[in-house]
C-alpha atoms as a PDB file:
ATOM      1  CA  UNK A   1     146.425  59.265 122.256  1.00  0.00           C
ATOM      2  CA  UNK A   2     149.189  61.775 123.064  1.00  0.00           C
ATOM      3  CA  UNK A   3     151.945  61.939 120.119  1.00  0.00           C
ATOM      4  CA  UNK A   4     154.126  61.056 123.027  1.00  0.00           C
ATOM      5  CA  UNK A   5     152.916  57.808 123.655  1.00  0.00           C
ATOM      6  CA  UNK A   6     155.498  55.182 122.868  1.00  0.00           C
ATOM      7  CA  UNK A   7     158.183  57.574 121.647  1.00  0.00           C
ATOM      8  CA  UNK A   8     161.325  58.241 123.281  1.00  0.00           C
ATOM      9  CA  UNK A   9     161.656  61.960 124.786  1.00  0.00           C
ATOM     10  CA  UNK A  10     164.603  63.932 125.930  1.00  0.00           C
ATOM     11  CA  UNK A  11     164.074  66.315 129.088  1.00  0.00           C
ATOM     12  CA  UNK A  12     167.339  68.560 129.679  1.00  0.00           C
ATOM     13  CA  UNK A  13     167.272  70.093 133.402  1.00  0.00           C
ATOM     14  CA  UNK A  14     165.069  66.768 134.119  1.00  0.00           C
ATOM     15  CA  UNK A  15     165.880  66.585 137.872  1.00  0.00           C
ATOM     16  CA  UNK A  16     164.054  69.797 138.635  1.00  0.00           C
ATOM     17  CA  UNK A  17     160.722  70.742 139.614  1.00  0.00           C
ATOM     18  CA  UNK A  18     159.131  70.787 136.017  1.00  0.00           C
ATOM     19  CA  UNK A  19     161.377  67.927 134.690  1.00  0.00           C
ATOM     20  CA  UNK A  20     160.075  65.348 137.886  1.00  0.00           C
ATOM     21  CA  UNK A  21     156.414  66.466 137.705  1.00  0.00           C
ATOM     22  CA  UNK A  22     156.405  66.051 133.447  1.00  0.00           C
ATOM     23  CA  UNK A  23     158.298  62.808 133.928  1.00  0.00           C
ATOM     24  CA  UNK A  24     155.283  61.557 136.482  1.00  0.00           C
ATOM     25  CA  UNK A  25     152.803  62.994 134.180  1.00  0.00           C
ATOM     26  CA  UNK A  26     154.627  60.869 130.812  1.00  0.00           C
ATOM     27  CA  UNK A  27     155.251  57.527 132.930  1.00  0.00           C
ATOM     28  CA  UNK A  28     151.164  57.310 134.141  1.00  0.00           C
ATOM     29  CA  UNK A  29     149.466  58.617 131.556  1.00  0.00           C
ATOM     30  CA  UNK A  30     151.406  58.379 128.200  1.00  0.00           C
ATOM     31  CA  UNK A  31     153.318  55.235 128.618  1.00  0.00           C
ATOM     32  CA  UNK A  32     157.064  56.233 126.456  1.00  0.00           C
ATOM     33  CA  UNK A  33     158.934  54.050 125.281  1.00  0.00           C
ATOM     34  CA  UNK A  34     161.934  55.726 127.181  1.00  0.00           C
ATOM     35  CA  UNK A  35     162.508  58.909 128.845  1.00  0.00           C
ATOM     36  CA  UNK A  36     166.392  60.429 128.700  1.00  0.00           C
ATOM     37  CA  UNK A  37     167.142  62.807 132.222  1.00  0.00           C
ATOM     38  CA  UNK A  38     169.561  65.126 130.868  1.00  0.00           C
ATOM     39  CA  UNK A  39     171.403  66.811 134.019  1.00  0.00           C
ATOM     40  CA  UNK A  40     174.461  67.700 135.266  1.00  0.00           C
ATOM     41  CA  UNK A  41     173.627  67.336 139.090  1.00  0.00           C
ATOM     42  CA  UNK A  42     175.126  63.709 140.066  1.00  0.00           C
ATOM     43  CA  UNK A  43     173.088  63.770 143.220  1.00  0.00           C
ATOM     44  CA  UNK A  44     169.643  64.868 141.650  1.00  0.00           C
ATOM     45  CA  UNK A  45     169.599  61.874 139.442  1.00  0.00           C
ATOM     46  CA  UNK A  46     170.392  59.368 142.289  1.00  0.00           C
ATOM     47  CA  UNK A  47     167.391  61.113 144.396  1.00  0.00           C
ATOM     48  CA  UNK A  48     165.360  60.377 141.191  1.00  0.00           C
ATOM     49  CA  UNK A  49     166.317  57.388 140.547  1.00  0.00           C
ATOM     50  CA  UNK A  50     164.704  56.512 143.965  1.00  0.00           C
ATOM     51  CA  UNK A  51     162.039  58.497 143.450  1.00  0.00           C
ATOM     52  CA  UNK A  52     160.840  56.638 140.291  1.00  0.00           C
ATOM     53  CA  UNK A  53     162.062  53.358 141.962  1.00  0.00           C
ATOM     54  CA  UNK A  54     164.422  52.874 138.759  1.00  0.00           C
ATOM     55  CA  UNK A  55     161.645  52.740 136.392  1.00  0.00           C
ATOM     56  CA  UNK A  56     163.311  50.628 133.270  1.00  0.00           C
ATOM     57  CA  UNK A  57     161.555  53.316 130.708  1.00  0.00           C
ATOM     58  CA  UNK A  58     164.300  55.780 132.599  1.00  0.00           C
ATOM     59  CA  UNK A  59     167.970  56.620 130.912  1.00  0.00           C
ATOM     60  CA  UNK A  60     170.180  58.905 132.563  1.00  0.00           C
ATOM     61  CA  UNK A  61     172.632  61.286 131.143  1.00  0.00           C
ATOM     62  CA  UNK A  62     175.277  63.013 133.293  1.00  0.00           C
ATOM     63  CA  UNK A  63     176.087  66.205 130.833  1.00  0.00           C
ATOM     64  CA  UNK A  64     175.511  69.348 130.439  1.00  0.00           C
ATOM     65  CA  UNK A  65     174.151  71.549 127.813  1.00  0.00           C
ATOM     66  CA  UNK A  66     177.467  73.318 127.270  1.00  0.00           C
ATOM     67  CA  UNK A  67     178.835  70.293 126.055  1.00  0.00           C
ATOM     68  CA  UNK A  68     177.623  69.672 122.262  1.00  0.00           C
ATOM     69  CA  UNK A  69     179.699  66.359 122.373  1.00  0.00           C
ATOM     70  CA  UNK A  70     177.382  64.990 125.001  1.00  0.00           C
ATOM     71  CA  UNK A  71     173.909  66.272 123.687  1.00  0.00           C
ATOM     72  CA  UNK A  72     174.795  64.800 120.476  1.00  0.00           C
ATOM     73  CA  UNK A  73     175.275  61.103 122.254  1.00  0.00           C
ATOM     74  CA  UNK A  74     171.905  61.615 124.672  1.00  0.00           C
ATOM     75  CA  UNK A  75     170.287  62.757 121.559  1.00  0.00           C
ATOM     76  CA  UNK A  76     170.692  59.508 119.520  1.00  0.00           C
ATOM     77  CA  UNK A  77     167.368  57.977 118.875  1.00  0.00           C
ATOM     78  CA  UNK A  78     165.286  60.468 120.957  1.00  0.00           C
ATOM     79  CA  UNK A  79     161.621  61.790 119.107  1.00  0.00           C
ATOM     80  CA  UNK A  80     160.522  64.920 121.171  1.00  0.00           C
ATOM     81  CA  UNK A  81     162.737  67.118 123.905  1.00  0.00           C
ATOM     82  CA  UNK A  82     161.659  69.363 126.722  1.00  0.00           C
ATOM     83  CA  UNK A  83     164.635  71.643 126.835  1.00  0.00           C
ATOM     84  CA  UNK A  84     164.318  73.025 130.853  1.00  0.00           C
ATOM     85  CA  UNK A  85     167.491  73.115 131.520  1.00  0.00           C
ATOM     86  CA  UNK A  86     168.626  76.681 132.241  1.00  0.00           C
ATOM     87  CA  UNK A  87     170.216  79.394 135.431  1.00  0.00           C
ATOM     88  CA  UNK A  88     167.644  81.006 136.626  1.00  0.00           C
ATOM     89  CA  UNK A  89     168.040  83.045 139.526  1.00  0.00           C
ATOM     90  CA  UNK A  90     167.695  86.953 138.696  1.00  0.00           C
ATOM     91  CA  UNK A  91     170.275  88.353 141.291  1.00  0.00           C
ATOM     92  CA  UNK A  92     173.005  86.290 140.758  1.00  0.00           C
ATOM     93  CA  UNK A  93     172.644  86.462 137.204  1.00  0.00           C
ATOM     94  CA  UNK A  94     173.920  89.834 138.430  1.00  0.00           C
ATOM     95  CA  UNK A  95     176.893  89.346 139.608  1.00  0.00           C
ATOM     96  CA  UNK A  96     177.728  85.811 137.080  1.00  0.00           C
ATOM     97  CA  UNK A  97     176.373  87.234 133.713  1.00  0.00           C
ATOM     98  CA  UNK A  98     178.941  85.176 131.477  1.00  0.00           C
ATOM     99  CA  UNK A  99     177.932  81.895 133.184  1.00  0.00           C
ATOM    100  CA  UNK A 100     174.174  82.244 132.528  1.00  0.00           C
ATOM    101  CA  UNK A 101     175.122  83.692 129.026  1.00  0.00           C
ATOM    102  CA  UNK A 102     176.969  80.321 128.667  1.00  0.00           C
ATOM    103  CA  UNK A 103     174.320  77.993 129.773  1.00  0.00           C
ATOM    104  CA  UNK A 104     170.879  79.718 128.466  1.00  0.00           C
ATOM    105  CA  UNK A 105     172.212  81.229 125.432  1.00  0.00           C
ATOM    106  CA  UNK A 106     175.064  78.959 124.486  1.00  0.00           C
ATOM    107  CA  UNK A 107     174.068  75.649 125.829  1.00  0.00           C
ATOM    108  CA  UNK A 108     170.193  76.295 124.179  1.00  0.00           C
ATOM    109  CA  UNK A 109     171.923  76.654 120.483  1.00  0.00           C
ATOM    110  CA  UNK A 110     174.065  73.527 121.503  1.00  0.00           C
ATOM    111  CA  UNK A 111     170.581  71.829 121.738  1.00  0.00           C
ATOM    112  CA  UNK A 112     169.361  73.022 118.866  1.00  0.00           C
ATOM    113  CA  UNK A 113     171.965  71.682 116.429  1.00  0.00           C
ATOM    114  CA  UNK A 114     172.170  68.252 118.100  1.00  0.00           C
ATOM    115  CA  UNK A 115     168.271  67.843 117.961  1.00  0.00           C
ATOM    116  CA  UNK A 116     168.843  68.617 114.318  1.00  0.00           C
ATOM    117  CA  UNK A 117     171.322  66.210 113.719  1.00  0.00           C
ATOM    118  CA  UNK A 118     169.973  63.696 115.692  1.00  0.00           C
ATOM    119  CA  UNK A 119     165.964  64.207 113.585  1.00  0.00           C
ATOM    120  CA  UNK A 120     164.531  65.003 116.614  1.00  0.00           C
ATOM    121  CA  UNK A 121     160.900  65.378 115.601  1.00  0.00           C
ATOM    122  CA  UNK A 122     159.575  68.120 118.360  1.00  0.00           C
ATOM    123  CA  UNK A 123     160.933  70.310 121.054  1.00  0.00           C
ATOM    124  CA  UNK A 124     159.439  72.480 123.037  1.00  0.00           C
ATOM    125  CA  UNK A 125     161.692  75.144 125.037  1.00  0.00           C
ATOM    126  CA  UNK A 126     160.176  76.593 128.179  1.00  0.00           C
ATOM    127  CA  UNK A 127     161.526  79.886 128.840  1.00  0.00           C
ATOM    128  CA  UNK A 128     159.826  82.733 131.327  1.00  0.00           C
ATOM    129  CA  UNK A 129     157.780  86.074 131.807  1.00  0.00           C
ATOM    130  CA  UNK A 130     161.427  87.648 132.551  1.00  0.00           C
ATOM    131  CA  UNK A 131     162.042  87.643 128.840  1.00  0.00           C
ATOM    132  CA  UNK A 132     159.448  89.774 127.788  1.00  0.00           C
ATOM    133  CA  UNK A 133     160.498  93.559 127.645  1.00  0.00           C
ATOM    134  CA  UNK A 134     163.631  92.527 129.943  1.00  0.00           C
ATOM    135  CA  UNK A 135     165.855  95.015 132.347  1.00  0.00           C
ATOM    136  CA  UNK A 136     168.135  92.043 133.636  1.00  0.00           C
ATOM    137  CA  UNK A 137     170.624  89.723 132.689  1.00  0.00           C
ATOM    138  CA  UNK A 138     168.805  86.325 132.809  1.00  0.00           C
ATOM    139  CA  UNK A 139     165.461  87.746 131.284  1.00  0.00           C
ATOM    140  CA  UNK A 140     167.685  88.672 127.934  1.00  0.00           C
ATOM    141  CA  UNK A 141     169.391  85.573 127.765  1.00  0.00           C
ATOM    142  CA  UNK A 142     166.021  83.658 128.324  1.00  0.00           C
ATOM    143  CA  UNK A 143     165.021  86.499 125.570  1.00  0.00           C
ATOM    144  CA  UNK A 144     167.704  85.280 123.397  1.00  0.00           C
ATOM    145  CA  UNK A 145     167.090  81.654 123.392  1.00  0.00           C
ATOM    146  CA  UNK A 146     163.647  81.865 122.942  1.00  0.00           C
ATOM    147  CA  UNK A 147     164.639  84.351 119.218  1.00  0.00           C
ATOM    148  CA  UNK A 148     167.291  81.235 118.894  1.00  0.00           C
ATOM    149  CA  UNK A 149     164.773  78.140 119.151  1.00  0.00           C
ATOM    150  CA  UNK A 150     162.046  80.069 117.034  1.00  0.00           C
ATOM    151  CA  UNK A 151     164.949  80.822 114.314  1.00  0.00           C
ATOM    152  CA  UNK A 152     166.001  77.609 114.853  1.00  0.00           C
ATOM    153  CA  UNK A 153     163.185  76.270 112.313  1.00  0.00           C
ATOM    154  CA  UNK A 154     164.932  78.050 109.370  1.00  0.00           C
ATOM    155  CA  UNK A 155     167.999  75.857 109.960  1.00  0.00           C
ATOM    156  CA  UNK A 156     165.616  72.943 110.274  1.00  0.00           C
ATOM    157  CA  UNK A 157     163.637  73.680 107.025  1.00  0.00           C
ATOM    158  CA  UNK A 158     164.981  70.505 105.268  1.00  0.00           C
ATOM    159  CA  UNK A 159     164.661  67.824 107.778  1.00  0.00           C
ATOM    160  CA  UNK A 160     161.886  66.703 110.126  1.00  0.00           C
ATOM    161  CA  UNK A 161     162.921  69.258 113.454  1.00  0.00           C
ATOM    162  CA  UNK A 162     160.213  71.870 114.236  1.00  0.00           C
ATOM    163  CA  UNK A 163     161.102  74.404 117.828  1.00  0.00           C
ATOM    164  CA  UNK A 164     158.557  76.261 119.773  1.00  0.00           C
ATOM    165  CA  UNK A 165     158.287  78.074 123.152  1.00  0.00           C
ATOM    166  CA  UNK A 166     156.490  78.229 126.119  1.00  0.00           C
ATOM    167  CA  UNK A 167     156.534  81.140 128.462  1.00  0.00           C
ATOM    168  CA  UNK A 168     154.753  80.910 131.993  1.00  0.00           C
ATOM    169  CA  UNK A 169     155.371  83.193 135.160  1.00  0.00           C
ATOM    170  CA  UNK A 170     156.349  81.704 138.393  1.00  0.00           C
ATOM    171  CA  UNK A 171     155.428  78.214 138.848  1.00  0.00           C
ATOM    172  CA  UNK A 172     153.975  77.699 142.719  1.00  0.00           C
ATOM    173  CA  UNK A 173     155.820  75.894 145.011  1.00  0.00           C
ATOM    174  CA  UNK A 174     158.976  75.107 143.080  1.00  0.00           C
ATOM    175  CA  UNK A 175     162.353  74.427 144.318  1.00  0.00           C
ATOM    176  CA  UNK A 176     163.796  78.020 145.053  1.00  0.00           C
ATOM    177  CA  UNK A 177     160.573  79.662 144.741  1.00  0.00           C
ATOM    178  CA  UNK A 178     158.751  82.084 147.658  1.00  0.00           C
ATOM    179  CA  UNK A 179     156.099  80.212 148.916  1.00  0.00           C
ATOM    180  CA  UNK A 180     158.278  77.178 150.395  1.00  0.00           C
ATOM    181  CA  UNK A 181     160.265  80.130 151.680  1.00  0.00           C
ATOM    182  CA  UNK A 182     157.125  82.140 153.094  1.00  0.00           C
ATOM    183  CA  UNK A 183     156.262  78.633 154.665  1.00  0.00           C
ATOM    184  CA  UNK A 184     159.374  78.196 156.441  1.00  0.00           C
ATOM    185  CA  UNK A 185     159.963  81.625 157.881  1.00  0.00           C
ATOM    186  CA  UNK A 186     156.236  81.543 159.081  1.00  0.00           C
ATOM    187  CA  UNK A 187     156.906  78.411 161.085  1.00  0.00           C
ATOM    188  CA  UNK A 188     159.350  80.185 162.929  1.00  0.00           C
ATOM    189  CA  UNK A 189     156.653  83.240 163.398  1.00  0.00           C
ATOM    190  CA  UNK A 190     158.900  85.413 161.402  1.00  0.00           C
ATOM    191  CA  UNK A 191     158.222  88.557 159.556  1.00  0.00           C
ATOM    192  CA  UNK A 192     158.352  87.635 155.865  1.00  0.00           C
ATOM    193  CA  UNK A 193     160.473  90.146 153.758  1.00  0.00           C
ATOM    194  CA  UNK A 194     158.789  91.088 150.691  1.00  0.00           C
ATOM    195  CA  UNK A 195     160.982  93.177 148.122  1.00  0.00           C
ATOM    196  CA  UNK A 196     158.157  96.105 147.548  1.00  0.00           C
ATOM    197  CA  UNK A 197     155.008  95.877 148.752  1.00  0.00           C
ATOM    198  CA  UNK A 198     153.060  96.838 145.353  1.00  0.00           C
ATOM    199  CA  UNK A 199     154.819  93.812 143.938  1.00  0.00           C
ATOM    200  CA  UNK A 200     153.075  91.399 141.154  1.00  0.00           C
ATOM    201  CA  UNK A 201     153.925  88.445 140.046  1.00  0.00           C
ATOM    202  CA  UNK A 202     152.124  85.973 137.414  1.00  0.00           C
ATOM    203  CA  UNK A 203     151.745  82.262 138.825  1.00  0.00           C
ATOM    204  CA  UNK A 204     151.159  78.819 137.446  1.00  0.00           C
ATOM    205  CA  UNK A 205     150.428  75.602 139.102  1.00  0.00           C
ATOM    206  CA  UNK A 206     153.174  73.019 138.482  1.00  0.00           C
ATOM    207  CA  UNK A 207     150.383  70.803 137.452  1.00  0.00           C
ATOM    208  CA  UNK A 208     149.268  73.168 134.996  1.00  0.00           C
ATOM    209  CA  UNK A 209     152.682  73.882 133.899  1.00  0.00           C
ATOM    210  CA  UNK A 210     153.155  70.391 132.849  1.00  0.00           C
ATOM    211  CA  UNK A 211     149.507  70.184 130.750  1.00  0.00           C
ATOM    212  CA  UNK A 212     150.283  73.679 129.046  1.00  0.00           C
ATOM    213  CA  UNK A 213     153.760  72.096 127.603  1.00  0.00           C
ATOM    214  CA  UNK A 214     151.614  68.793 126.869  1.00  0.00           C
ATOM    215  CA  UNK A 215     149.172  70.552 124.655  1.00  0.00           C
ATOM    216  CA  UNK A 216     152.015  72.877 123.426  1.00  0.00           C
ATOM    217  CA  UNK A 217     153.353  69.137 121.474  1.00  0.00           C
ATOM    218  CA  UNK A 218     150.030  68.149 120.597  1.00  0.00           C
ATOM    219  CA  UNK A 219     149.426  71.619 118.868  1.00  0.00           C
ATOM    220  CA  UNK A 220     152.258  72.781 117.632  1.00  0.00           C
ATOM    221  CA  UNK A 221     153.792  73.296 113.588  1.00  0.00           C
ATOM    222  CA  UNK A 222     156.944  75.163 114.304  1.00  0.00           C
ATOM    223  CA  UNK A 223     157.421  78.624 115.035  1.00  0.00           C
ATOM    224  CA  UNK A 224     155.073  79.322 118.033  1.00  0.00           C
ATOM    225  CA  UNK A 225     155.723  80.772 121.147  1.00  0.00           C
ATOM    226  CA  UNK A 226     152.779  79.697 123.434  1.00  0.00           C
ATOM    227  CA  UNK A 227     151.880  81.981 126.750  1.00  0.00           C
ATOM    228  CA  UNK A 228     149.149  80.705 128.985  1.00  0.00           C
ATOM    229  CA  UNK A 229     146.082  82.579 130.052  1.00  0.00           C
ATOM    230  CA  UNK A 230     147.220  82.935 133.641  1.00  0.00           C
ATOM    231  CA  UNK A 231     146.514  85.559 136.566  1.00  0.00           C
ATOM    232  CA  UNK A 232     148.921  87.738 138.429  1.00  0.00           C
ATOM    233  CA  UNK A 233     148.379  88.613 142.129  1.00  0.00           C
ATOM    234  CA  UNK A 234     150.737  91.044 144.573  1.00  0.00           C
ATOM    235  CA  UNK A 235     153.060  89.411 146.453  1.00  0.00           C
ATOM    236  CA  UNK A 236     151.800  90.528 149.879  1.00  0.00           C
ATOM    237  CA  UNK A 237     148.464  88.840 149.056  1.00  0.00           C
ATOM    238  CA  UNK A 238     150.179  85.585 148.252  1.00  0.00           C
ATOM    239  CA  UNK A 239     151.891  85.987 151.686  1.00  0.00           C
ATOM    240  CA  UNK A 240     149.000  86.468 153.831  1.00  0.00           C
ATOM    241  CA  UNK A 241     147.367  83.430 151.673  1.00  0.00           C
ATOM    242  CA  UNK A 242     150.543  81.173 152.752  1.00  0.00           C
ATOM    243  CA  UNK A 243     151.028  82.554 156.512  1.00  0.00           C
ATOM    244  CA  UNK A 244     147.661  83.943 157.356  1.00  0.00           C
ATOM    245  CA  UNK A 245     148.295  87.301 159.825  1.00  0.00           C
ATOM    246  CA  UNK A 246     152.551  87.220 159.694  1.00  0.00           C
ATOM    247  CA  UNK A 247     153.895  90.429 159.719  1.00  0.00           C
ATOM    248  CA  UNK A 248     155.603  91.681 156.859  1.00  0.00           C
ATOM    249  CA  UNK A 249     158.152  94.465 156.136  1.00  0.00           C
ATOM    250  CA  UNK A 250     159.767  95.944 152.577  1.00  0.00           C
ATOM    251  CA  UNK A 251     163.244  94.675 152.019  1.00  0.00           C
ATOM    252  CA  UNK A 252     163.632  96.563 148.985  1.00  0.00           C
ATOM    253  CA  UNK A 253     164.286  95.463 144.797  1.00  0.00           C
ATOM    254  CA  UNK A 254     167.120  92.829 144.521  1.00  0.00           C
ATOM    255  CA  UNK A 255     169.344  93.801 141.614  1.00  0.00           C
ATOM    256  CA  UNK A 256     167.460  93.402 138.668  1.00  0.00           C
ATOM    257  CA  UNK A 257     163.954  92.908 140.000  1.00  0.00           C
ATOM    258  CA  UNK A 258     161.183  94.286 138.403  1.00  0.00           C
ATOM    259  CA  UNK A 259     158.166  95.592 140.426  1.00  0.00           C
ATOM    260  CA  UNK A 260     155.523  94.361 137.833  1.00  0.00           C
ATOM    261  CA  UNK A 261     156.207  91.884 134.799  1.00  0.00           C
ATOM    262  CA  UNK A 262     154.800  91.254 132.013  1.00  0.00           C
ATOM    263  CA  UNK A 263     153.904  87.785 129.640  1.00  0.00           C
ATOM    264  CA  UNK A 264     153.661  89.600 126.347  1.00  0.00           C
ATOM    265  CA  UNK A 265     155.058  93.322 125.623  1.00  0.00           C
ATOM    266  CA  UNK A 266     152.900  95.251 123.817  1.00  0.00           C
ATOM    267  CA  UNK A 267     154.753  94.854 120.596  1.00  0.00           C
ATOM    268  CA  UNK A 268     154.887  91.385 120.868  1.00  0.00           C
ATOM    269  CA  UNK A 269     150.636  91.771 121.069  1.00  0.00           C
ATOM    270  CA  UNK A 270     150.888  92.809 117.242  1.00  0.00           C
ATOM    271  CA  UNK A 271     151.599  89.407 115.885  1.00  0.00           C
ATOM    272  CA  UNK A 272     149.590  87.389 118.864  1.00  0.00           C
ATOM    273  CA  UNK A 273     146.336  85.381 118.023  1.00  0.00           C
ATOM    274  CA  UNK A 274     144.229  84.267 121.048  1.00  0.00           C
ATOM    275  CA  UNK A 275     143.315  80.386 120.744  1.00  0.00           C
ATOM    276  CA  UNK A 276     141.427  78.417 124.132  1.00  0.00           C
ATOM    277  CA  UNK A 277     143.387  78.554 126.807  1.00  0.00           C
ATOM    278  CA  UNK A 278     146.426  80.537 125.458  1.00  0.00           C
ATOM    279  CA  UNK A 279     147.789  83.282 123.516  1.00  0.00           C
ATOM    280  CA  UNK A 280     150.381  82.438 120.858  1.00  0.00           C
ATOM    281  CA  UNK A 281     153.187  85.272 119.714  1.00  0.00           C
ATOM    282  CA  UNK A 282     153.572  83.934 115.388  1.00  0.00           C
ATOM    283  CA  UNK A 283     157.045  84.272 114.495  1.00  0.00           C
ATOM    284  CA  UNK A 284     158.138  87.486 112.578  1.00  0.00           C
ATOM    285  CA  UNK A 285     160.025  85.483 109.770  1.00  0.00           C
ATOM    286  CA  UNK A 286     158.760  81.881 108.889  1.00  0.00           C
ATOM    287  CA  UNK A 287     160.944  80.817 105.723  1.00  0.00           C
ATOM    288  CA  UNK A 288     160.080  77.166 106.980  1.00  0.00           C
ATOM    289  CA  UNK A 289     156.429  77.287 105.847  1.00  0.00           C
ATOM    290  CA  UNK A 290     154.645  78.332 108.964  1.00  0.00           C
ATOM    291  CA  UNK A 291     150.892  78.358 109.221  1.00  0.00           C
ATOM    292  CA  UNK A 292     148.758  80.069 111.600  1.00  0.00           C
ATOM    293  CA  UNK A 293     146.546  77.815 113.909  1.00  0.00           C
ATOM    294  CA  UNK A 294     143.096  77.406 112.721  1.00  0.00           C
ATOM    295  CA  UNK A 295     140.877  77.510 115.462  1.00  0.00           C
ATOM    296  CA  UNK A 296     142.466  80.987 116.548  1.00  0.00           C
ATOM    297  CA  UNK A 297     141.175  85.135 116.124  1.00  0.00           C
ATOM    298  CA  UNK A 298     143.109  88.252 116.232  1.00  0.00           C
ATOM    299  CA  UNK A 299     142.850  89.825 119.560  1.00  0.00           C
ATOM    300  CA  UNK A 300     143.907  93.489 120.844  1.00  0.00           C
ATOM    301  CA  UNK A 301     147.096  93.757 122.808  1.00  0.00           C
ATOM    302  CA  UNK A 302     147.048  97.521 123.807  1.00  0.00           C
ATOM    303  CA  UNK A 303     150.161  98.530 125.602  1.00  0.00           C
ATOM    304  CA  UNK A 304     147.515 100.590 128.579  1.00  0.00           C
ATOM    305  CA  UNK A 305     145.817  96.996 129.021  1.00  0.00           C
ATOM    306  CA  UNK A 306     146.593  96.073 132.420  1.00  0.00           C
ATOM    307  CA  UNK A 307     144.175  93.225 133.453  1.00  0.00           C
ATOM    308  CA  UNK A 308     144.639  89.688 132.741  1.00  0.00           C
ATOM    309  CA  UNK A 309     142.466  86.563 132.625  1.00  0.00           C
ATOM    310  CA  UNK A 310     140.674  85.793 135.668  1.00  0.00           C
ATOM    311  CA  UNK A 311     141.309  81.976 135.197  1.00  0.00           C
ATOM    312  CA  UNK A 312     143.790  80.100 133.023  1.00  0.00           C
ATOM    313  CA  UNK A 313     141.077  76.840 132.678  1.00  0.00           C
ATOM    314  CA  UNK A 314     143.012  74.468 130.437  1.00  0.00           C
ATOM    315  CA  UNK A 315     140.976  72.093 127.825  1.00  0.00           C
ATOM    316  CA  UNK A 316     141.919  68.400 128.076  1.00  0.00           C
ATOM    317  CA  UNK A 317     144.702  67.425 125.932  1.00  0.00           C
ATOM    318  CA  UNK A 318     143.199  64.234 124.865  1.00  0.00           C
ATOM    319  CA  UNK A 319     140.422  66.094 123.133  1.00  0.00           C
ATOM    320  CA  UNK A 320     141.423  68.527 120.672  1.00  0.00           C
ATOM    321  CA  UNK A 321     137.404  68.008 119.430  1.00  0.00           C
ATOM    322  CA  UNK A 322     137.032  70.783 122.691  1.00  0.00           C
ATOM    323  CA  UNK A 323     139.491  73.402 121.245  1.00  0.00           C
ATOM    324  CA  UNK A 324     136.811  76.637 119.983  1.00  0.00           C
ATOM    325  CA  UNK A 325     135.950  77.803 116.558  1.00  0.00           C
ATOM    326  CA  UNK A 326     137.053  81.298 115.401  1.00  0.00           C
ATOM    327  CA  UNK A 327     133.555  82.787 115.713  1.00  0.00           C
ATOM    328  CA  UNK A 328     133.550  81.177 119.491  1.00  0.00           C
ATOM    329  CA  UNK A 329     136.768  82.757 120.743  1.00  0.00           C
ATOM    330  CA  UNK A 330     135.333  85.991 118.982  1.00  0.00           C
ATOM    331  CA  UNK A 331     132.678  85.904 120.443  1.00  0.00           C
ATOM    332  CA  UNK A 332     131.954  89.458 122.599  1.00  0.00           C
ATOM    333  CA  UNK A 333     130.264  86.760 125.044  1.00  0.00           C
ATOM    334  CA  UNK A 334     132.899  84.409 124.967  1.00  0.00           C
ATOM    335  CA  UNK A 335     134.138  83.153 128.425  1.00  0.00           C
ATOM    336  CA  UNK A 336     137.494  80.983 129.661  1.00  0.00           C
ATOM    337  CA  UNK A 337     138.109  77.901 127.654  1.00  0.00           C
ATOM    338  CA  UNK A 338     135.964  75.442 127.452  1.00  0.00           C
ATOM    339  CA  UNK A 339     136.638  74.319 130.862  1.00  0.00           C
ATOM    340  CA  UNK A 340     136.398  77.821 132.014  1.00  0.00           C
ATOM    341  CA  UNK A 341     135.720  77.308 135.798  1.00  0.00           C
ATOM    342  CA  UNK A 342     133.790  80.294 135.865  1.00  0.00           C
ATOM    343  CA  UNK A 343     130.713  81.745 134.763  1.00  0.00           C
ATOM    344  CA  UNK A 344     131.121  85.251 134.260  1.00  0.00           C
ATOM    345  CA  UNK A 345     131.995  86.545 130.775  1.00  0.00           C
ATOM    346  CA  UNK A 346     135.403  86.927 129.700  1.00  0.00           C
ATOM    347  CA  UNK A 347     136.050  90.374 128.480  1.00  0.00           C
ATOM    348  CA  UNK A 348     138.854  91.061 125.635  1.00  0.00           C
ATOM    349  CA  UNK A 349     142.160  92.011 127.147  1.00  0.00           C
ATOM    350  CA  UNK A 350     145.649  90.723 127.209  1.00  0.00           C
ATOM    351  CA  UNK A 351     148.107  88.668 128.851  1.00  0.00           C
ATOM    352  CA  UNK A 352     149.982  92.043 129.630  1.00  0.00           C
ATOM    353  CA  UNK A 353     151.618  93.305 132.910  1.00  0.00           C
ATOM    354  CA  UNK A 354     150.346  92.541 135.975  1.00  0.00           C
END
């Protein structure tokens, strides 16, 4: 049984692509007592109410994470929180920097304080690969938010609340992602704009992202930053897979864009452990009593390593007994976790640059 079963769960930004998929999974498989959807868009909440047929387990709160008083009201009686609300467009952030600061940084601190004051048990905040060695404003705000959530465990040391972070790459098919954009252009026969023909990105499917967050609730003790072992791919290859044979042209990098993203920086790799389908970045300071996961091994993360695992299989969150022991994880013939979809040996590498 999941720790979320029979509980009260709040999702900030719950009307986004991840929020809707996460809520659907909870309703279908975890029998929550109630789910609070906290978001600021009235129309999206109306559309979500229709999507979920006004399920009586759902509660709808209009509000902005910039509003601490409203958050305090929404957190009343909540056991678990997923923080998915954020401003996310890289180029938009370059033109509207302080708006991103107010939502992604100040709003995140509001969530932390509201969770502690309400006695929430566990909080998982969603992050992005752009928070690793950021060069743009969006990535810098998410890196700051990550650090706020991890160090929030110091604030909560004498309280039951614990915070962890999940960092992953682009979600395939999510609202505003490149795949629907390519499909729309493909229907007209137009040339697909590629910002740089050499560009690579990490990708994860929406069901994988939901499952990864749910697994993180099961595993977390507070202070972990979880990174999935997911592949990267060239954007030109993705474009051809979505619209085979479509013409492409180089449109140039937009403000704040990287040619290649990374999931874990070289410096972060010094405190990375590998556990099953993920890497765990341990906190630098852990005065609240953090303990590293038992089923883990220290794994080399060299700055020169640019390969990524070819699969991102995920063990069932219902059966933690399927997780590997340290000796198995460190085996030179280890394969990608216990539900690996490949028979090829998995060789040591880091979730480094794509």
